[in-house]
């Protein structure tokens, strides 16, 4: 699984959250993660911060922040352990919220 993070420079709150999501997926799903700053030439309509899994952008249901559930919907197409990964990502979100709160 290939994950591309489209990030602002320097990375802020959502960028750091998305980096934590990607690190978790690398550790638990053998995902290969790449960071890109600015725009992607092949998808110029995307704006940072964004997560792209196997070429498919993850769309936040609330229109702002990508949630573990948003990721789970996309992961379901690419990884058999998507429900377990979603649970782990939920823990990451909680940890980040506590650290930043």
PDB file of N, CA and C in Angstrom:
ATOM      1  N   UNK A   1       0.848  -1.167   0.000  1.00  0.00           N
ATOM      2  CA  UNK A   1       0.000   0.000   0.000  1.00  0.00           C
ATOM      3  C   UNK A   1       0.896   1.234   0.000  1.00  0.00           C
ATOM      4  N   UNK A   2       0.594   2.169  -0.891  1.00  0.00           N
ATOM      5  CA  UNK A   2       1.342   3.410  -1.016  1.00  0.00           C
ATOM      6  C   UNK A   2       0.523   4.561  -0.440  1.00  0.00           C
ATOM      7  N   UNK A   3       1.131   5.292   0.466  1.00  0.00           N
ATOM      8  CA  UNK A   3       0.471   6.453   1.058  1.00  0.00           C
ATOM      9  C   UNK A   3       1.312   7.687   0.751  1.00  0.00           C
ATOM     10  N   UNK A   4       0.650   8.694   0.201  1.00  0.00           N
ATOM     11  CA  UNK A   4       1.301   9.977  -0.042  1.00  0.00           C
ATOM     12  C   UNK A   4       0.634  11.002   0.859  1.00  0.00           C
ATOM     13  N   UNK A   5       1.444  11.721   1.600  1.00  0.00           N
ATOM     14  CA  UNK A   5       0.964  12.824   2.433  1.00  0.00           C
ATOM     15  C   UNK A   5       1.291  14.114   1.702  1.00  0.00           C
ATOM     16  N   UNK A   6       0.293  14.911   1.489  1.00  0.00           N
ATOM     17  CA  UNK A   6       0.486  16.240   0.922  1.00  0.00           C
ATOM     18  C   UNK A   6       0.446  17.203   2.105  1.00  0.00           C
ATOM     19  N   UNK A   7       1.589  17.820   2.387  1.00  0.00           N
ATOM     20  CA  UNK A   7       1.746  18.589   3.626  1.00  0.00           C
ATOM     21  C   UNK A   7       2.091  20.048   3.366  1.00  0.00           C
ATOM     22  N   UNK A   8       1.767  20.873   4.348  1.00  0.00           N
ATOM     23  CA  UNK A   8       2.220  22.259   4.360  1.00  0.00           C
ATOM     24  C   UNK A   8       3.633  22.287   4.920  1.00  0.00           C
ATOM     25  N   UNK A   9       4.357  23.354   4.612  1.00  0.00           N
ATOM     26  CA  UNK A   9       5.711  23.493   5.122  1.00  0.00           C
ATOM     27  C   UNK A   9       5.802  24.834   5.844  1.00  0.00           C
ATOM     28  N   UNK A  10       5.957  24.831   7.157  1.00  0.00           N
ATOM     29  CA  UNK A  10       6.134  23.686   8.057  1.00  0.00           C
ATOM     30  C   UNK A  10       4.791  23.019   8.371  1.00  0.00           C
ATOM     31  N   UNK A  11       4.851  21.733   8.705  1.00  0.00           N
ATOM     32  CA  UNK A  11       3.616  21.011   9.036  1.00  0.00           C
ATOM     33  C   UNK A  11       2.975  21.553  10.311  1.00  0.00           C
ATOM     34  N   UNK A  12       1.669  21.773  10.255  1.00  0.00           N
ATOM     35  CA  UNK A  12       0.909  22.229  11.419  1.00  0.00           C
ATOM     36  C   UNK A  12       0.131  21.081  12.032  1.00  0.00           C
ATOM     37  N   UNK A  13      -0.966  21.385  12.709  1.00  0.00           N
ATOM     38  CA  UNK A  13      -1.748  20.398  13.454  1.00  0.00           C
ATOM     39  C   UNK A  13      -2.267  19.244  12.628  1.00  0.00           C
ATOM     40  N   UNK A  14      -3.033  19.537  11.562  1.00  0.00           N
ATOM     41  CA  UNK A  14      -3.566  18.439  10.749  1.00  0.00           C
ATOM     42  C   UNK A  14      -2.447  17.682  10.051  1.00  0.00           C
ATOM     43  N   UNK A  15      -1.426  18.389   9.597  1.00  0.00           N
ATOM     44  CA  UNK A  15      -0.295  17.713   8.950  1.00  0.00           C
ATOM     45  C   UNK A  15       0.368  16.741   9.919  1.00  0.00           C
ATOM     46  N   UNK A  16       0.559  17.164  11.153  1.00  0.00           N
ATOM     47  CA  UNK A  16       1.185  16.284  12.147  1.00  0.00           C
ATOM     48  C   UNK A  16       0.292  15.091  12.451  1.00  0.00           C
ATOM     49  N   UNK A  17      -1.037  15.302  12.506  1.00  0.00           N
ATOM     50  CA  UNK A  17      -1.961  14.195  12.704  1.00  0.00           C
ATOM     51  C   UNK A  17      -1.856  13.208  11.550  1.00  0.00           C
ATOM     52  N   UNK A  18      -1.828  13.707  10.327  1.00  0.00           N
ATOM     53  CA  UNK A  18      -1.753  12.834   9.164  1.00  0.00           C
ATOM     54  C   UNK A  18      -0.413  12.091   9.117  1.00  0.00           C
ATOM     55  N   UNK A  19       0.658  12.740   9.574  1.00  0.00           N
ATOM     56  CA  UNK A  19       1.942  12.060   9.681  1.00  0.00           C
ATOM     57  C   UNK A  19       1.862  10.916  10.690  1.00  0.00           C
ATOM     58  N   UNK A  20       1.152  11.141  11.802  1.00  0.00           N
ATOM     59  CA  UNK A  20       0.975  10.087  12.811  1.00  0.00           C
ATOM     60  C   UNK A  20       0.139   8.940  12.248  1.00  0.00           C
ATOM     61  N   UNK A  21      -0.918   9.264  11.499  1.00  0.00           N
ATOM     62  CA  UNK A  21      -1.702   8.218  10.838  1.00  0.00           C
ATOM     63  C   UNK A  21      -0.800   7.383   9.918  1.00  0.00           C
ATOM     64  N   UNK A  22      -0.003   8.061   9.096  1.00  0.00           N
ATOM     65  CA  UNK A  22       0.854   7.360   8.131  1.00  0.00           C
ATOM     66  C   UNK A  22       1.892   6.491   8.831  1.00  0.00           C
ATOM     67  N   UNK A  23       2.493   6.996   9.905  1.00  0.00           N
ATOM     68  CA  UNK A  23       3.472   6.206  10.650  1.00  0.00           C
ATOM     69  C   UNK A  23       2.818   4.950  11.222  1.00  0.00           C
ATOM     70  N   UNK A  24       1.588   5.088  11.680  1.00  0.00           N
ATOM     71  CA  UNK A  24       0.850   3.947  12.220  1.00  0.00           C
ATOM     72  C   UNK A  24       0.568   2.924  11.132  1.00  0.00           C
ATOM     73  N   UNK A  25       0.159   3.393   9.966  1.00  0.00           N
ATOM     74  CA  UNK A  25      -0.112   2.473   8.866  1.00  0.00           C
ATOM     75  C   UNK A  25       1.166   1.812   8.365  1.00  0.00           C
ATOM     76  N   UNK A  26       2.281   2.522   8.417  1.00  0.00           N
ATOM     77  CA  UNK A  26       3.558   1.913   8.045  1.00  0.00           C
ATOM     78  C   UNK A  26       3.912   0.796   9.026  1.00  0.00           C
ATOM     79  N   UNK A  27       3.675   1.032  10.307  1.00  0.00           N
ATOM     80  CA  UNK A  27       4.022   0.050  11.335  1.00  0.00           C
ATOM     81  C   UNK A  27       3.070  -1.141  11.368  1.00  0.00           C
ATOM     82  N   UNK A  28       1.792  -0.914  11.113  1.00  0.00           N
ATOM     83  CA  UNK A  28       0.791  -1.967  11.294  1.00  0.00           C
ATOM     84  C   UNK A  28       0.253  -2.565   9.996  1.00  0.00           C
ATOM     85  N   UNK A  29       0.543  -1.930   8.865  1.00  0.00           N
ATOM     86  CA  UNK A  29       0.002  -2.431   7.599  1.00  0.00           C
ATOM     87  C   UNK A  29       1.058  -2.492   6.496  1.00  0.00           C
ATOM     88  N   UNK A  30       2.320  -2.335   6.879  1.00  0.00           N
ATOM     89  CA  UNK A  30       3.436  -2.376   5.930  1.00  0.00           C
ATOM     90  C   UNK A  30       3.239  -1.379   4.781  1.00  0.00           C
ATOM     91  N   UNK A  31       2.641  -0.250   5.074  1.00  0.00           N
ATOM     92  CA  UNK A  31       2.444   0.780   4.054  1.00  0.00           C
ATOM     93  C   UNK A  31       3.755   1.511   3.800  1.00  0.00           C
ATOM     94  N   UNK A  32       3.936   1.924   2.573  1.00  0.00           N
ATOM     95  CA  UNK A  32       5.074   2.765   2.210  1.00  0.00           C
ATOM     96  C   UNK A  32       4.552   4.198   2.129  1.00  0.00           C
ATOM     97  N   UNK A  33       5.193   5.082   2.890  1.00  0.00           N
ATOM     98  CA  UNK A  33       4.703   6.452   3.005  1.00  0.00           C
ATOM     99  C   UNK A  33       5.700   7.432   2.410  1.00  0.00           C
ATOM    100  N   UNK A  34       5.154   8.421   1.718  1.00  0.00           N
ATOM    101  CA  UNK A  34       5.951   9.471   1.110  1.00  0.00           C
ATOM    102  C   UNK A  34       5.330  10.811   1.475  1.00  0.00           C
ATOM    103  N   UNK A  35       6.173  11.790   1.717  1.00  0.00           N
ATOM    104  CA  UNK A  35       5.688  13.133   2.018  1.00  0.00           C
ATOM    105  C   UNK A  35       5.980  14.032   0.830  1.00  0.00           C
ATOM    106  N   UNK A  36       4.999  14.846   0.513  1.00  0.00           N
ATOM    107  CA  UNK A  36       5.127  15.805  -0.580  1.00  0.00           C
ATOM    108  C   UNK A  36       4.700  17.163  -0.042  1.00  0.00           C
ATOM    109  N   UNK A  37       5.491  18.181  -0.308  1.00  0.00           N
ATOM    110  CA  UNK A  37       5.154  19.532   0.126  1.00  0.00           C
ATOM    111  C   UNK A  37       4.721  20.341  -1.094  1.00  0.00           C
ATOM    112  N   UNK A  38       3.682  21.109  -0.918  1.00  0.00           N
ATOM    113  CA  UNK A  38       3.161  21.885  -2.037  1.00  0.00           C
ATOM    114  C   UNK A  38       2.058  21.129  -2.747  1.00  0.00           C
ATOM    115  N   UNK A  39       2.131  21.088  -4.057  1.00  0.00           N
ATOM    116  CA  UNK A  39       1.086  20.438  -4.861  1.00  0.00           C
ATOM    117  C   UNK A  39       1.637  19.189  -5.545  1.00  0.00           C
ATOM    118  N   UNK A  40       0.704  18.308  -5.914  1.00  0.00           N
ATOM    119  CA  UNK A  40       1.059  17.133  -6.699  1.00  0.00           C
ATOM    120  C   UNK A  40       0.780  17.438  -8.166  1.00  0.00           C
ATOM    121  N   UNK A  41       1.773  17.315  -9.028  1.00  0.00           N
ATOM    122  CA  UNK A  41       1.537  17.619 -10.446  1.00  0.00           C
ATOM    123  C   UNK A  41       0.403  16.788 -11.056  1.00  0.00           C
ATOM    124  N   UNK A  42       0.281  15.531 -10.641  1.00  0.00           N
ATOM    125  CA  UNK A  42      -0.741  14.656 -11.213  1.00  0.00           C
ATOM    126  C   UNK A  42      -2.132  14.894 -10.624  1.00  0.00           C
ATOM    127  N   UNK A  43      -2.236  15.623  -9.509  1.00  0.00           N
ATOM    128  CA  UNK A  43      -3.528  15.934  -8.894  1.00  0.00           C
ATOM    129  C   UNK A  43      -3.504  17.371  -8.375  1.00  0.00           C
ATOM    130  N   UNK A  44      -3.423  18.352  -9.291  1.00  0.00           N
ATOM    131  CA  UNK A  44      -3.255  19.756  -8.863  1.00  0.00           C
ATOM    132  C   UNK A  44      -4.453  20.317  -8.092  1.00  0.00           C
ATOM    133  N   UNK A  45      -5.594  19.650  -8.141  1.00  0.00           N
ATOM    134  CA  UNK A  45      -6.767  20.136  -7.408  1.00  0.00           C
ATOM    135  C   UNK A  45      -6.663  19.896  -5.906  1.00  0.00           C
ATOM    136  N   UNK A  46      -5.800  18.970  -5.494  1.00  0.00           N
ATOM    137  CA  UNK A  46      -5.630  18.688  -4.063  1.00  0.00           C
ATOM    138  C   UNK A  46      -4.827  19.784  -3.396  1.00  0.00           C
ATOM    139  N   UNK A  47      -5.227  20.086  -2.187  1.00  0.00           N
ATOM    140  CA  UNK A  47      -4.499  21.071  -1.384  1.00  0.00           C
ATOM    141  C   UNK A  47      -4.081  20.415  -0.075  1.00  0.00           C
ATOM    142  N   UNK A  48      -2.930  20.842   0.430  1.00  0.00           N
ATOM    143  CA  UNK A  48      -2.431  20.327   1.702  1.00  0.00           C
ATOM    144  C   UNK A  48      -3.302  20.856   2.833  1.00  0.00           C
ATOM    145  N   UNK A  49      -3.473  20.084   3.863  1.00  0.00           N
ATOM    146  CA  UNK A  49      -3.009  18.719   4.035  1.00  0.00           C
ATOM    147  C   UNK A  49      -3.989  17.710   3.423  1.00  0.00           C
ATOM    148  N   UNK A  50      -3.424  16.622   2.920  1.00  0.00           N
ATOM    149  CA  UNK A  50      -4.235  15.578   2.306  1.00  0.00           C
ATOM    150  C   UNK A  50      -3.514  14.240   2.449  1.00  0.00           C
ATOM    151  N   UNK A  51      -4.305  13.171   2.370  1.00  0.00           N
ATOM    152  CA  UNK A  51      -3.767  11.811   2.379  1.00  0.00           C
ATOM    153  C   UNK A  51      -4.277  11.123   1.128  1.00  0.00           C
ATOM    154  N   UNK A  52      -3.358  10.471   0.421  1.00  0.00           N
ATOM    155  CA  UNK A  52      -3.700   9.731  -0.787  1.00  0.00           C
ATOM    156  C   UNK A  52      -3.231   8.293  -0.583  1.00  0.00           C
ATOM    157  N   UNK A  53      -4.144   7.346  -0.728  1.00  0.00           N
ATOM    158  CA  UNK A  53      -3.815   5.930  -0.561  1.00  0.00           C
ATOM    159  C   UNK A  53      -3.967   5.246  -1.912  1.00  0.00           C
ATOM    160  N   UNK A  54      -2.878   4.667  -2.383  1.00  0.00           N
ATOM    161  CA  UNK A  54      -2.860   3.997  -3.687  1.00  0.00           C
ATOM    162  C   UNK A  54      -3.502   4.870  -4.766  1.00  0.00           C
ATOM    163  N   UNK A  55      -3.165   6.152  -4.754  1.00  0.00           N
ATOM    164  CA  UNK A  55      -3.657   7.075  -5.761  1.00  0.00           C
ATOM    165  C   UNK A  55      -5.037   7.646  -5.503  1.00  0.00           C
ATOM    166  N   UNK A  56      -5.707   7.196  -4.448  1.00  0.00           N
ATOM    167  CA  UNK A  56      -7.064   7.668  -4.159  1.00  0.00           C
ATOM    168  C   UNK A  56      -7.030   8.647  -2.978  1.00  0.00           C
ATOM    169  N   UNK A  57      -7.440   9.891  -3.184  1.00  0.00           N
ATOM    170  CA  UNK A  57      -7.490  10.848  -2.076  1.00  0.00           C
ATOM    171  C   UNK A  57      -8.540  10.425  -1.049  1.00  0.00           C
ATOM    172  N   UNK A  58      -8.207  10.607   0.217  1.00  0.00           N
ATOM    173  CA  UNK A  58      -9.154  10.340   1.305  1.00  0.00           C
ATOM    174  C   UNK A  58      -9.923  11.638   1.541  1.00  0.00           C
ATOM    175  N   UNK A  59     -11.237  11.546   1.458  1.00  0.00           N
ATOM    176  CA  UNK A  59     -12.087  12.718   1.623  1.00  0.00           C
ATOM    177  C   UNK A  59     -12.628  12.763   3.047  1.00  0.00           C
ATOM    178  N   UNK A  60     -12.397  13.870   3.763  1.00  0.00           N
ATOM    179  CA  UNK A  60     -12.948  13.975   5.119  1.00  0.00           C
ATOM    180  C   UNK A  60     -14.466  14.140   5.078  1.00  0.00           C
ATOM    181  N   UNK A  61     -15.172  13.318   5.823  1.00  0.00           N
ATOM    182  CA  UNK A  61     -16.640  13.372   5.857  1.00  0.00           C
ATOM    183  C   UNK A  61     -17.137  14.724   6.353  1.00  0.00           C
ATOM    184  N   UNK A  62     -16.380  15.333   7.282  1.00  0.00           N
ATOM    185  CA  UNK A  62     -16.806  16.630   7.808  1.00  0.00           C
ATOM    186  C   UNK A  62     -16.303  17.795   6.955  1.00  0.00           C
ATOM    187  N   UNK A  63     -15.574  17.483   5.890  1.00  0.00           N
ATOM    188  CA  UNK A  63     -15.062  18.510   5.001  1.00  0.00           C
ATOM    189  C   UNK A  63     -13.791  19.188   5.484  1.00  0.00           C
ATOM    190  N   UNK A  64     -13.275  18.765   6.655  1.00  0.00           N
ATOM    191  CA  UNK A  64     -12.111  19.452   7.229  1.00  0.00           C
ATOM    192  C   UNK A  64     -10.994  18.485   7.614  1.00  0.00           C
ATOM    193  N   UNK A  65     -11.263  17.579   8.571  1.00  0.00           N
ATOM    194  CA  UNK A  65     -10.234  16.705   9.137  1.00  0.00           C
ATOM    195  C   UNK A  65     -10.519  15.252   8.771  1.00  0.00           C
ATOM    196  N   UNK A  66      -9.507  14.574   8.267  1.00  0.00           N
ATOM    197  CA  UNK A  66      -9.647  13.157   7.949  1.00  0.00           C
ATOM    198  C   UNK A  66      -9.689  12.370   9.251  1.00  0.00           C
ATOM    199  N   UNK A  67     -10.750  11.601   9.412  1.00  0.00           N
ATOM    200  CA  UNK A  67     -10.934  10.802  10.624  1.00  0.00           C
ATOM    201  C   UNK A  67     -10.498   9.361  10.379  1.00  0.00           C
ATOM    202  N   UNK A  68     -10.336   8.590  11.453  1.00  0.00           N
ATOM    203  CA  UNK A  68     -10.060   7.167  11.288  1.00  0.00           C
ATOM    204  C   UNK A  68     -11.147   6.459  10.473  1.00  0.00           C
ATOM    205  N   UNK A  69     -12.388   6.900  10.599  1.00  0.00           N
ATOM    206  CA  UNK A  69     -13.477   6.288   9.828  1.00  0.00           C
ATOM    207  C   UNK A  69     -13.320   6.594   8.337  1.00  0.00           C
ATOM    208  N   UNK A  70     -12.911   7.812   8.014  1.00  0.00           N
ATOM    209  CA  UNK A  70     -12.664   8.172   6.615  1.00  0.00           C
ATOM    210  C   UNK A  70     -11.562   7.282   6.040  1.00  0.00           C
ATOM    211  N   UNK A  71     -10.496   7.113   6.812  1.00  0.00           N
ATOM    212  CA  UNK A  71      -9.403   6.243   6.375  1.00  0.00           C
ATOM    213  C   UNK A  71      -9.873   4.799   6.258  1.00  0.00           C
ATOM    214  N   UNK A  72     -10.682   4.358   7.218  1.00  0.00           N
ATOM    215  CA  UNK A  72     -11.177   2.983   7.203  1.00  0.00           C
ATOM    216  C   UNK A  72     -11.954   2.667   5.943  1.00  0.00           C
ATOM    217  N   UNK A  73     -12.740   3.622   5.460  1.00  0.00           N
ATOM    218  CA  UNK A  73     -13.504   3.394   4.234  1.00  0.00           C
ATOM    219  C   UNK A  73     -12.591   3.146   3.042  1.00  0.00           C
ATOM    220  N   UNK A  74     -11.514   3.903   2.944  1.00  0.00           N
ATOM    221  CA  UNK A  74     -10.575   3.714   1.839  1.00  0.00           C
ATOM    222  C   UNK A  74      -9.737   2.457   2.067  1.00  0.00           C
ATOM    223  N   UNK A  75      -9.290   2.253   3.296  1.00  0.00           N
ATOM    224  CA  UNK A  75      -8.468   1.074   3.597  1.00  0.00           C
ATOM    225  C   UNK A  75      -9.219  -0.224   3.332  1.00  0.00           C
ATOM    226  N   UNK A  76     -10.515  -0.200   3.495  1.00  0.00           N
ATOM    227  CA  UNK A  76     -11.332  -1.386   3.270  1.00  0.00           C
ATOM    228  C   UNK A  76     -11.139  -1.935   1.856  1.00  0.00           C
ATOM    229  N   UNK A  77     -10.832  -1.065   0.916  1.00  0.00           N
ATOM    230  CA  UNK A  77     -10.592  -1.480  -0.470  1.00  0.00           C
ATOM    231  C   UNK A  77      -9.222  -2.131  -0.656  1.00  0.00           C
ATOM    232  N   UNK A  78      -8.267  -1.792   0.209  1.00  0.00           N
ATOM    233  CA  UNK A  78      -6.886  -2.177  -0.025  1.00  0.00           C
ATOM    234  C   UNK A  78      -6.275  -3.103   1.027  1.00  0.00           C
ATOM    235  N   UNK A  79      -6.917  -3.251   2.175  1.00  0.00           N
ATOM    236  CA  UNK A  79      -6.290  -4.020   3.250  1.00  0.00           C
ATOM    237  C   UNK A  79      -7.337  -4.845   3.988  1.00  0.00           C
ATOM    238  N   UNK A  80      -7.107  -6.148   4.144  1.00  0.00           N
ATOM    239  CA  UNK A  80      -8.095  -6.996   4.819  1.00  0.00           C
ATOM    240  C   UNK A  80      -8.275  -6.670   6.303  1.00  0.00           C
ATOM    241  N   UNK A  81      -7.300  -6.020   6.912  1.00  0.00           N
ATOM    242  CA  UNK A  81      -7.381  -5.691   8.332  1.00  0.00           C
ATOM    243  C   UNK A  81      -7.906  -4.296   8.591  1.00  0.00           C
ATOM    244  N   UNK A  82      -8.670  -3.738   7.673  1.00  0.00           N
ATOM    245  CA  UNK A  82      -9.137  -2.348   7.799  1.00  0.00           C
ATOM    246  C   UNK A  82      -9.854  -2.056   9.115  1.00  0.00           C
ATOM    247  N   UNK A  83     -10.765  -2.919   9.597  1.00  0.00           N
ATOM    248  CA  UNK A  83     -11.428  -2.598  10.877  1.00  0.00           C
ATOM    249  C   UNK A  83     -10.443  -2.494  12.049  1.00  0.00           C
ATOM    250  N   UNK A  84      -9.455  -3.383  12.093  1.00  0.00           N
ATOM    251  CA  UNK A  84      -8.444  -3.338  13.155  1.00  0.00           C
ATOM    252  C   UNK A  84      -7.606  -2.069  13.023  1.00  0.00           C
ATOM    253  N   UNK A  85      -7.240  -1.717  11.803  1.00  0.00           N
ATOM    254  CA  UNK A  85      -6.449  -0.511  11.575  1.00  0.00           C
ATOM    255  C   UNK A  85      -7.227   0.741  11.984  1.00  0.00           C
ATOM    256  N   UNK A  86      -8.508   0.758  11.700  1.00  0.00           N
ATOM    257  CA  UNK A  86      -9.337   1.904  12.076  1.00  0.00           C
ATOM    258  C   UNK A  86      -9.342   2.092  13.592  1.00  0.00           C
ATOM    259  N   UNK A  87      -9.395   1.000  14.331  1.00  0.00           N
ATOM    260  CA  UNK A  87      -9.361   1.065  15.794  1.00  0.00           C
ATOM    261  C   UNK A  87      -8.030   1.638  16.276  1.00  0.00           C
ATOM    262  N   UNK A  88      -6.950   1.198  15.676  1.00  0.00           N
ATOM    263  CA  UNK A  88      -5.620   1.701  16.047  1.00  0.00           C
ATOM    264  C   UNK A  88      -5.507   3.191  15.708  1.00  0.00           C
ATOM    265  N   UNK A  89      -6.021   3.575  14.555  1.00  0.00           N
ATOM    266  CA  UNK A  89      -5.978   4.987  14.150  1.00  0.00           C
ATOM    267  C   UNK A  89      -6.817   5.859  15.080  1.00  0.00           C
ATOM    268  N   UNK A  90      -7.899   5.304  15.604  1.00  0.00           N
ATOM    269  CA  UNK A  90      -8.725   6.036  16.574  1.00  0.00           C
ATOM    270  C   UNK A  90      -7.904   6.353  17.831  1.00  0.00           C
ATOM    271  N   UNK A  91      -7.075   5.400  18.264  1.00  0.00           N
ATOM    272  CA  UNK A  91      -6.199   5.631  19.418  1.00  0.00           C
ATOM    273  C   UNK A  91      -5.181   6.726  19.119  1.00  0.00           C
ATOM    274  N   UNK A  92      -4.655   6.747  17.903  1.00  0.00           N
ATOM    275  CA  UNK A  92      -3.699   7.779  17.506  1.00  0.00           C
ATOM    276  C   UNK A  92      -4.363   9.152  17.545  1.00  0.00           C
ATOM    277  N   UNK A  93      -5.588   9.243  17.029  1.00  0.00           N
ATOM    278  CA  UNK A  93      -6.312  10.509  17.055  1.00  0.00           C
ATOM    279  C   UNK A  93      -6.502  10.981  18.502  1.00  0.00           C
ATOM    280  N   UNK A  94      -6.903  10.084  19.386  1.00  0.00           N
ATOM    281  CA  UNK A  94      -7.097  10.445  20.790  1.00  0.00           C
ATOM    282  C   UNK A  94      -5.795  10.928  21.426  1.00  0.00           C
ATOM    283  N   UNK A  95      -4.692  10.237  21.151  1.00  0.00           N
ATOM    284  CA  UNK A  95      -3.389  10.642  21.694  1.00  0.00           C
ATOM    285  C   UNK A  95      -3.016  12.049  21.214  1.00  0.00           C
ATOM    286  N   UNK A  96      -3.189  12.288  19.926  1.00  0.00           N
ATOM    287  CA  UNK A  96      -2.853  13.599  19.377  1.00  0.00           C
ATOM    288  C   UNK A  96      -3.716  14.687  19.989  1.00  0.00           C
ATOM    289  N   UNK A  97      -5.005  14.429  20.151  1.00  0.00           N
ATOM    290  CA  UNK A  97      -5.901  15.426  20.734  1.00  0.00           C
ATOM    291  C   UNK A  97      -5.504  15.741  22.179  1.00  0.00           C
ATOM    292  N   UNK A  98      -5.094  14.723  22.925  1.00  0.00           N
ATOM    293  CA  UNK A  98      -4.662  14.949  24.311  1.00  0.00           C
ATOM    294  C   UNK A  98      -3.380  15.766  24.349  1.00  0.00           C
ATOM    295  N   UNK A  99      -2.424  15.447  23.456  1.00  0.00           N
ATOM    296  CA  UNK A  99      -1.158  16.181  23.436  1.00  0.00           C
ATOM    297  C   UNK A  99      -1.353  17.630  23.071  1.00  0.00           C
ATOM    298  N   UNK A 100      -2.283  17.919  22.164  1.00  0.00           N
ATOM    299  CA  UNK A 100      -2.468  19.269  21.684  1.00  0.00           C
ATOM    300  C   UNK A 100      -3.498  20.043  22.478  1.00  0.00           C
ATOM    301  N   UNK A 101      -4.239  19.350  23.370  1.00  0.00           N
ATOM    302  CA  UNK A 101      -5.323  20.003  24.106  1.00  0.00           C
ATOM    303  C   UNK A 101      -4.911  20.815  25.271  1.00  0.00           C
TER     304      UNK A 101
END
